[in-house]
Amino acid sequence: MLIEQFITSFIATAAFGIIFSAPAKTLLKCGFVGMIGWMIYLILYQYKMDSVLATLFASFIIAVISHFFAKKYKTPVIIFNVSGIIPLVPGGLAYDAMRQVVENDFNAAIPLAAKAFMISGAIAIGLVLSEVMNQIIRKASLRKI
């Protein structure tokens, strides 16, 4: 089951890279970034970590790997970030929340919407936290020179 999850996340991420018009030479790397992020999320979630916290860690690692690839392959970091976070986006949860709203079941919709909002925020915080740490490391290394 885990292997299927990893392969599927790789394909989905690489396919989104195609939709996002990522350069062809980066598609395998985009797929790898998304697969690693999904692996981290899935492993943490299976070890009983809350999905919001697992998403935060996974998005942070996605951003770290994206920065590494961007520097190594001289490509904008956003190509890897945007493709890499696709497996983590809570689209199904947001859909379920909106479906409950349409069915006038607001008591069921509110927790679903709140969870989708928290997961989305965790993705954003993970990406920003990685960027901040990257800037701190870069400035510290410039001071040593």
N, C-alpha and C. Protein backbone atom coordinates (compact mmCIF):
# COMPACT_ATOMS: atom_id res chain seq x y z
N MET A 1 0.82 -1.20 0.00
CA MET A 1 0.00 0.00 0.00
C MET A 1 0.87 1.26 0.00
N LEU A 2 1.95 1.27 0.79
CA LEU A 2 2.81 2.44 0.84
C LEU A 2 3.47 2.71 -0.51
N ILE A 3 3.91 1.65 -1.18
CA ILE A 3 4.55 1.82 -2.48
C ILE A 3 3.57 2.45 -3.47
N GLU A 4 2.33 2.01 -3.44
CA GLU A 4 1.31 2.58 -4.33
C GLU A 4 1.12 4.08 -4.04
N GLN A 5 1.11 4.44 -2.77
CA GLN A 5 0.96 5.84 -2.37
C GLN A 5 2.13 6.67 -2.90
N PHE A 6 3.33 6.14 -2.79
CA PHE A 6 4.51 6.88 -3.22
C PHE A 6 4.53 7.05 -4.74
N ILE A 7 4.21 5.98 -5.45
CA ILE A 7 4.20 6.06 -6.92
C ILE A 7 3.11 7.02 -7.38
N THR A 8 1.94 6.93 -6.77
CA THR A 8 0.84 7.81 -7.15
C THR A 8 1.17 9.27 -6.87
N SER A 9 1.78 9.54 -5.72
CA SER A 9 2.13 10.93 -5.40
C SER A 9 3.21 11.45 -6.35
N PHE A 10 4.13 10.59 -6.74
CA PHE A 10 5.16 10.98 -7.71
C PHE A 10 4.52 11.36 -9.04
N ILE A 11 3.63 10.50 -9.53
CA ILE A 11 2.97 10.75 -10.82
C ILE A 11 2.11 12.00 -10.76
N ALA A 12 1.34 12.15 -9.68
CA ALA A 12 0.45 13.32 -9.55
C ALA A 12 1.26 14.61 -9.51
N THR A 13 2.36 14.60 -8.79
CA THR A 13 3.18 15.80 -8.69
C THR A 13 3.85 16.14 -10.01
N ALA A 14 4.39 15.14 -10.67
CA ALA A 14 5.02 15.37 -11.97
C ALA A 14 3.98 15.83 -12.99
N ALA A 15 2.79 15.24 -12.95
CA ALA A 15 1.72 15.64 -13.87
C ALA A 15 1.28 17.08 -13.61
N PHE A 16 1.23 17.47 -12.35
CA PHE A 16 0.91 18.86 -12.06
C PHE A 16 2.01 19.78 -12.57
N GLY A 17 3.23 19.31 -12.53
CA GLY A 17 4.33 20.10 -13.11
C GLY A 17 4.11 20.36 -14.59
N ILE A 18 3.55 19.38 -15.29
CA ILE A 18 3.22 19.56 -16.71
C ILE A 18 2.14 20.62 -16.86
N ILE A 19 1.10 20.53 -16.04
CA ILE A 19 0.00 21.51 -16.09
C ILE A 19 0.51 22.90 -15.73
N PHE A 20 1.42 22.97 -14.79
CA PHE A 20 2.00 24.22 -14.31
C PHE A 20 3.05 24.78 -15.28
N SER A 21 3.30 24.07 -16.36
CA SER A 21 4.29 24.44 -17.38
C SER A 21 5.71 24.51 -16.83
N ALA A 22 6.03 23.56 -15.96
CA ALA A 22 7.40 23.46 -15.47
C ALA A 22 8.28 22.96 -16.61
N PRO A 23 9.53 23.38 -16.65
CA PRO A 23 10.43 22.88 -17.70
C PRO A 23 10.52 21.36 -17.67
N ALA A 24 10.60 20.76 -18.84
CA ALA A 24 10.60 19.30 -18.96
C ALA A 24 11.73 18.66 -18.16
N LYS A 25 12.88 19.32 -18.09
CA LYS A 25 14.02 18.75 -17.36
C LYS A 25 13.80 18.71 -15.85
N THR A 26 12.79 19.42 -15.35
CA THR A 26 12.54 19.45 -13.91
C THR A 26 11.40 18.54 -13.47
N LEU A 27 10.70 17.92 -14.41
CA LEU A 27 9.50 17.15 -14.05
C LEU A 27 9.79 15.98 -13.11
N LEU A 28 10.86 15.25 -13.36
CA LEU A 28 11.20 14.13 -12.47
C LEU A 28 11.57 14.64 -11.08
N LYS A 29 12.26 15.76 -11.04
CA LYS A 29 12.64 16.34 -9.75
C LYS A 29 11.41 16.84 -9.01
N CYS A 30 10.47 17.44 -9.74
CA CYS A 30 9.20 17.88 -9.12
C CYS A 30 8.46 16.69 -8.54
N GLY A 31 8.41 15.60 -9.31
CA GLY A 31 7.75 14.39 -8.82
C GLY A 31 8.42 13.85 -7.58
N PHE A 32 9.74 13.91 -7.56
CA PHE A 32 10.49 13.44 -6.39
C PHE A 32 10.18 14.28 -5.16
N VAL A 33 10.13 15.60 -5.33
CA VAL A 33 9.85 16.50 -4.20
C VAL A 33 8.46 16.19 -3.62
N GLY A 34 7.47 16.05 -4.49
CA GLY A 34 6.12 15.74 -4.02
C GLY A 34 6.03 14.38 -3.35
N MET A 35 6.75 13.41 -3.90
CA MET A 35 6.74 12.07 -3.32
C MET A 35 7.37 12.07 -1.93
N ILE A 36 8.49 12.76 -1.78
CA ILE A 36 9.15 12.83 -0.47
C ILE A 36 8.23 13.52 0.54
N GLY A 37 7.60 14.62 0.14
CA GLY A 37 6.68 15.32 1.03
C GLY A 37 5.53 14.44 1.46
N TRP A 38 4.96 13.70 0.51
CA TRP A 38 3.84 12.82 0.84
C TRP A 38 4.30 11.67 1.73
N MET A 39 5.51 11.14 1.48
CA MET A 39 6.05 10.07 2.33
C MET A 39 6.17 10.55 3.77
N ILE A 40 6.71 11.74 3.94
CA ILE A 40 6.88 12.28 5.30
C ILE A 40 5.53 12.46 5.96
N TYR A 41 4.59 13.07 5.24
CA TYR A 41 3.25 13.26 5.80
C TYR A 41 2.63 11.92 6.20
N LEU A 42 2.67 10.96 5.30
CA LEU A 42 2.02 9.67 5.54
C LEU A 42 2.64 8.94 6.72
N ILE A 43 3.95 8.94 6.79
CA ILE A 43 4.64 8.25 7.89
C ILE A 43 4.31 8.93 9.22
N LEU A 44 4.37 10.26 9.26
CA LEU A 44 4.05 10.96 10.51
C LEU A 44 2.59 10.74 10.91
N TYR A 45 1.69 10.77 9.94
CA TYR A 45 0.27 10.58 10.22
C TYR A 45 0.00 9.16 10.71
N GLN A 46 0.69 8.18 10.14
CA GLN A 46 0.51 6.79 10.58
C GLN A 46 1.05 6.57 11.99
N TYR A 47 2.01 7.39 12.39
CA TYR A 47 2.54 7.30 13.75
C TYR A 47 1.78 8.24 14.70
N LYS A 48 0.52 8.48 14.38
CA LYS A 48 -0.45 9.18 15.24
C LYS A 48 -0.16 10.67 15.44
N MET A 49 0.57 11.28 14.52
CA MET A 49 0.74 12.72 14.59
C MET A 49 -0.49 13.38 13.96
N ASP A 50 -0.91 14.50 14.50
CA ASP A 50 -2.05 15.23 13.95
C ASP A 50 -1.77 15.60 12.50
N SER A 51 -2.81 15.59 11.66
CA SER A 51 -2.61 15.85 10.23
C SER A 51 -2.10 17.27 9.97
N VAL A 52 -2.47 18.22 10.80
CA VAL A 52 -2.00 19.59 10.61
C VAL A 52 -0.50 19.68 10.88
N LEU A 53 -0.06 19.08 11.96
CA LEU A 53 1.37 19.09 12.30
C LEU A 53 2.18 18.28 11.29
N ALA A 54 1.65 17.14 10.85
CA ALA A 54 2.33 16.33 9.84
C ALA A 54 2.46 17.11 8.53
N THR A 55 1.42 17.87 8.19
CA THR A 55 1.47 18.70 6.98
C THR A 55 2.51 19.80 7.13
N LEU A 56 2.61 20.40 8.31
CA LEU A 56 3.60 21.44 8.56
C LEU A 56 5.02 20.90 8.33
N PHE A 57 5.32 19.75 8.92
CA PHE A 57 6.65 19.15 8.76
C PHE A 57 6.91 18.79 7.30
N ALA A 58 5.92 18.19 6.65
CA ALA A 58 6.10 17.78 5.26
C ALA A 58 6.31 18.98 4.34
N SER A 59 5.55 20.05 4.55
CA SER A 59 5.72 21.23 3.69
C SER A 59 7.06 21.90 3.96
N PHE A 60 7.53 21.86 5.19
CA PHE A 60 8.86 22.41 5.49
C PHE A 60 9.94 21.63 4.75
N ILE A 61 9.85 20.32 4.78
CA ILE A 61 10.85 19.49 4.09
C ILE A 61 10.75 19.69 2.58
N ILE A 62 9.54 19.82 2.06
CA ILE A 62 9.36 20.10 0.63
C ILE A 62 10.09 21.39 0.26
N ALA A 63 9.93 22.40 1.08
CA ALA A 63 10.57 23.69 0.79
C ALA A 63 12.10 23.59 0.89
N VAL A 64 12.60 22.83 1.85
CA VAL A 64 14.05 22.65 1.98
C VAL A 64 14.61 21.95 0.75
N ILE A 65 13.96 20.88 0.33
CA ILE A 65 14.42 20.16 -0.86
C ILE A 65 14.29 21.05 -2.09
N SER A 66 13.23 21.83 -2.16
CA SER A 66 13.03 22.74 -3.29
C SER A 66 14.15 23.76 -3.38
N HIS A 67 14.56 24.30 -2.24
CA HIS A 67 15.67 25.25 -2.23
C HIS A 67 16.96 24.58 -2.70
N PHE A 68 17.18 23.37 -2.24
CA PHE A 68 18.37 22.63 -2.65
C PHE A 68 18.37 22.40 -4.16
N PHE A 69 17.24 21.92 -4.70
CA PHE A 69 17.15 21.68 -6.14
C PHE A 69 17.27 22.97 -6.94
N ALA A 70 16.66 24.02 -6.45
CA ALA A 70 16.70 25.31 -7.15
C ALA A 70 18.15 25.80 -7.27
N LYS A 71 18.88 25.65 -6.19
CA LYS A 71 20.28 26.09 -6.21
C LYS A 71 21.12 25.17 -7.09
N LYS A 72 20.92 23.87 -6.96
CA LYS A 72 21.72 22.91 -7.70
C LYS A 72 21.46 22.97 -9.21
N TYR A 73 20.20 23.12 -9.60
CA TYR A 73 19.86 23.09 -11.02
C TYR A 73 19.58 24.48 -11.60
N LYS A 74 19.86 25.51 -10.81
CA LYS A 74 19.70 26.90 -11.26
C LYS A 74 18.32 27.15 -11.88
N THR A 75 17.32 26.82 -11.08
CA THR A 75 15.92 26.92 -11.48
C THR A 75 15.18 27.67 -10.37
N PRO A 76 14.13 28.41 -10.68
CA PRO A 76 13.37 29.08 -9.63
C PRO A 76 12.77 28.08 -8.63
N VAL A 77 12.84 28.42 -7.38
CA VAL A 77 12.38 27.52 -6.33
C VAL A 77 10.87 27.26 -6.41
N ILE A 78 10.14 28.20 -6.94
CA ILE A 78 8.68 28.06 -6.99
C ILE A 78 8.24 26.87 -7.85
N ILE A 79 9.04 26.48 -8.82
CA ILE A 79 8.71 25.33 -9.67
C ILE A 79 8.61 24.07 -8.82
N PHE A 80 9.53 23.89 -7.91
CA PHE A 80 9.54 22.70 -7.06
C PHE A 80 8.54 22.84 -5.91
N ASN A 81 8.42 24.04 -5.35
CA ASN A 81 7.48 24.26 -4.23
C ASN A 81 6.04 24.00 -4.64
N VAL A 82 5.62 24.63 -5.73
CA VAL A 82 4.22 24.54 -6.14
C VAL A 82 3.86 23.11 -6.51
N SER A 83 4.72 22.46 -7.28
CA SER A 83 4.44 21.07 -7.64
C SER A 83 4.51 20.16 -6.41
N GLY A 84 5.46 20.41 -5.55
CA GLY A 84 5.68 19.54 -4.40
C GLY A 84 4.57 19.53 -3.37
N ILE A 85 3.88 20.65 -3.21
CA ILE A 85 2.84 20.69 -2.17
C ILE A 85 1.50 20.12 -2.64
N ILE A 86 1.38 19.83 -3.92
CA ILE A 86 0.10 19.35 -4.45
C ILE A 86 -0.46 18.15 -3.68
N PRO A 87 0.33 17.13 -3.33
CA PRO A 87 -0.27 16.01 -2.59
C PRO A 87 -0.79 16.41 -1.21
N LEU A 88 -0.30 17.51 -0.65
CA LEU A 88 -0.72 17.91 0.69
C LEU A 88 -1.96 18.79 0.72
N VAL A 89 -2.34 19.34 -0.41
CA VAL A 89 -3.46 20.29 -0.46
C VAL A 89 -4.76 19.57 -0.07
N PRO A 90 -5.51 20.14 0.87
CA PRO A 90 -6.72 19.46 1.38
C PRO A 90 -7.96 19.67 0.50
N GLY A 91 -7.85 19.34 -0.77
CA GLY A 91 -8.96 19.56 -1.70
C GLY A 91 -10.18 18.73 -1.36
N GLY A 92 -9.99 17.47 -1.03
CA GLY A 92 -11.12 16.60 -0.68
C GLY A 92 -11.83 17.09 0.57
N LEU A 93 -11.07 17.54 1.53
CA LEU A 93 -11.65 18.06 2.77
C LEU A 93 -12.44 19.34 2.52
N ALA A 94 -11.91 20.22 1.69
CA ALA A 94 -12.62 21.44 1.34
C ALA A 94 -13.90 21.12 0.57
N TYR A 95 -13.82 20.14 -0.31
CA TYR A 95 -15.01 19.71 -1.06
C TYR A 95 -16.08 19.20 -0.10
N ASP A 96 -15.68 18.35 0.84
CA ASP A 96 -16.65 17.81 1.80
C ASP A 96 -17.29 18.93 2.63
N ALA A 97 -16.49 19.92 3.01
CA ALA A 97 -17.03 21.05 3.77
C ALA A 97 -18.06 21.81 2.95
N MET A 98 -17.74 22.09 1.70
CA MET A 98 -18.69 22.82 0.85
C MET A 98 -19.94 22.00 0.56
N ARG A 99 -19.76 20.71 0.43
CA ARG A 99 -20.92 19.84 0.21
C ARG A 99 -21.87 19.90 1.40
N GLN A 100 -21.31 19.91 2.60
CA GLN A 100 -22.14 20.00 3.80
C GLN A 100 -22.85 21.35 3.86
N VAL A 101 -22.19 22.41 3.41
CA VAL A 101 -22.82 23.73 3.39
C VAL A 101 -23.99 23.73 2.42
N VAL A 102 -23.78 23.16 1.24
CA VAL A 102 -24.85 23.11 0.24
C VAL A 102 -26.04 22.29 0.74
N GLU A 103 -25.75 21.26 1.52
CA GLU A 103 -26.81 20.43 2.08
C GLU A 103 -27.38 21.01 3.37
N ASN A 104 -26.97 22.23 3.72
CA ASN A 104 -27.42 22.94 4.93
C ASN A 104 -27.10 22.21 6.23
N ASP A 105 -26.03 21.44 6.24
CA ASP A 105 -25.58 20.77 7.45
C ASP A 105 -24.36 21.52 7.97
N PHE A 106 -24.63 22.69 8.57
CA PHE A 106 -23.55 23.57 9.00
C PHE A 106 -22.77 23.00 10.17
N ASN A 107 -23.42 22.18 11.00
CA ASN A 107 -22.71 21.57 12.13
C ASN A 107 -21.62 20.61 11.66
N ALA A 108 -21.84 19.99 10.53
CA ALA A 108 -20.81 19.10 9.98
C ALA A 108 -19.80 19.89 9.14
N ALA A 109 -20.24 20.98 8.54
CA ALA A 109 -19.37 21.76 7.65
C ALA A 109 -18.29 22.53 8.40
N ILE A 110 -18.62 23.06 9.54
CA ILE A 110 -17.68 23.92 10.27
C ILE A 110 -16.39 23.19 10.66
N PRO A 111 -16.47 21.99 11.26
CA PRO A 111 -15.20 21.31 11.59
C PRO A 111 -14.39 20.93 10.35
N LEU A 112 -15.06 20.55 9.27
CA LEU A 112 -14.35 20.20 8.05
C LEU A 112 -13.65 21.42 7.45
N ALA A 113 -14.36 22.53 7.42
CA ALA A 113 -13.78 23.76 6.88
C ALA A 113 -12.62 24.25 7.75
N ALA A 114 -12.78 24.14 9.06
CA ALA A 114 -11.72 24.56 9.96
C ALA A 114 -10.47 23.71 9.76
N LYS A 115 -10.66 22.40 9.60
CA LYS A 115 -9.52 21.50 9.38
C LYS A 115 -8.83 21.82 8.06
N ALA A 116 -9.61 22.05 7.00
CA ALA A 116 -9.04 22.40 5.70
C ALA A 116 -8.26 23.72 5.80
N PHE A 117 -8.81 24.67 6.53
CA PHE A 117 -8.14 25.96 6.72
C PHE A 117 -6.83 25.79 7.50
N MET A 118 -6.85 24.97 8.54
CA MET A 118 -5.63 24.75 9.33
C MET A 118 -4.55 24.03 8.52
N ILE A 119 -4.95 23.06 7.71
CA ILE A 119 -3.98 22.35 6.88
C ILE A 119 -3.38 23.30 5.85
N SER A 120 -4.23 24.14 5.26
CA SER A 120 -3.73 25.13 4.30
C SER A 120 -2.75 26.09 4.96
N GLY A 121 -3.07 26.51 6.16
CA GLY A 121 -2.17 27.39 6.92
C GLY A 121 -0.87 26.70 7.26
N ALA A 122 -0.94 25.40 7.58
CA ALA A 122 0.28 24.65 7.89
C ALA A 122 1.19 24.56 6.67
N ILE A 123 0.60 24.41 5.50
CA ILE A 123 1.40 24.40 4.27
C ILE A 123 2.12 25.73 4.10
N ALA A 124 1.38 26.81 4.27
CA ALA A 124 1.96 28.15 4.11
C ALA A 124 3.05 28.40 5.15
N ILE A 125 2.80 28.05 6.39
CA ILE A 125 3.79 28.26 7.45
C ILE A 125 5.05 27.44 7.19
N GLY A 126 4.89 26.20 6.75
CA GLY A 126 6.06 25.37 6.45
C GLY A 126 6.92 25.96 5.35
N LEU A 127 6.27 26.47 4.30
CA LEU A 127 7.01 27.07 3.20
C LEU A 127 7.72 28.36 3.64
N VAL A 128 7.02 29.18 4.40
CA VAL A 128 7.61 30.44 4.87
C VAL A 128 8.73 30.18 5.87
N LEU A 129 8.53 29.24 6.77
CA LEU A 129 9.56 28.92 7.76
C LEU A 129 10.85 28.46 7.09
N SER A 130 10.72 27.66 6.06
CA SER A 130 11.90 27.22 5.33
C SER A 130 12.60 28.39 4.64
N GLU A 131 11.82 29.28 4.06
CA GLU A 131 12.40 30.46 3.40
C GLU A 131 13.13 31.34 4.40
N VAL A 132 12.55 31.54 5.57
CA VAL A 132 13.19 32.36 6.61
C VAL A 132 14.50 31.71 7.05
N MET A 133 14.47 30.41 7.28
CA MET A 133 15.69 29.72 7.71
C MET A 133 16.75 29.78 6.61
N ASN A 134 16.33 29.67 5.36
CA ASN A 134 17.27 29.77 4.24
C ASN A 134 17.93 31.15 4.22
N GLN A 135 17.15 32.20 4.43
CA GLN A 135 17.69 33.56 4.44
C GLN A 135 18.67 33.76 5.61
N ILE A 136 18.33 33.22 6.77
CA ILE A 136 19.22 33.34 7.93
C ILE A 136 20.54 32.64 7.67
N ILE A 137 20.47 31.43 7.11
CA ILE A 137 21.69 30.68 6.81
C ILE A 137 22.52 31.40 5.75
N ARG A 138 21.85 31.93 4.74
CA ARG A 138 22.57 32.65 3.68
C ARG A 138 23.27 33.88 4.23
N LYS A 139 22.60 34.66 5.09
CA LYS A 139 23.21 35.85 5.65
C LYS A 139 24.35 35.50 6.59
N ALA A 140 24.20 34.42 7.35
CA ALA A 140 25.27 33.99 8.25
C ALA A 140 26.49 33.54 7.46
N SER A 141 26.28 32.86 6.34
CA SER A 141 27.43 32.42 5.54
C SER A 141 28.11 33.60 4.84
N LEU A 142 27.36 34.64 4.50
CA LEU A 142 27.96 35.83 3.89
C LEU A 142 28.81 36.60 4.90
N ARG A 143 28.43 36.57 6.14
CA ARG A 143 29.20 37.28 7.19
C ARG A 143 30.54 36.61 7.44
N LYS A 144 30.61 35.28 7.25
CA LYS A 144 31.86 34.56 7.49
C LYS A 144 32.88 34.84 6.39
N ILE A 145 32.40 35.22 5.24
CA ILE A 145 33.32 35.44 4.10
C ILE A 145 34.03 36.74 4.22
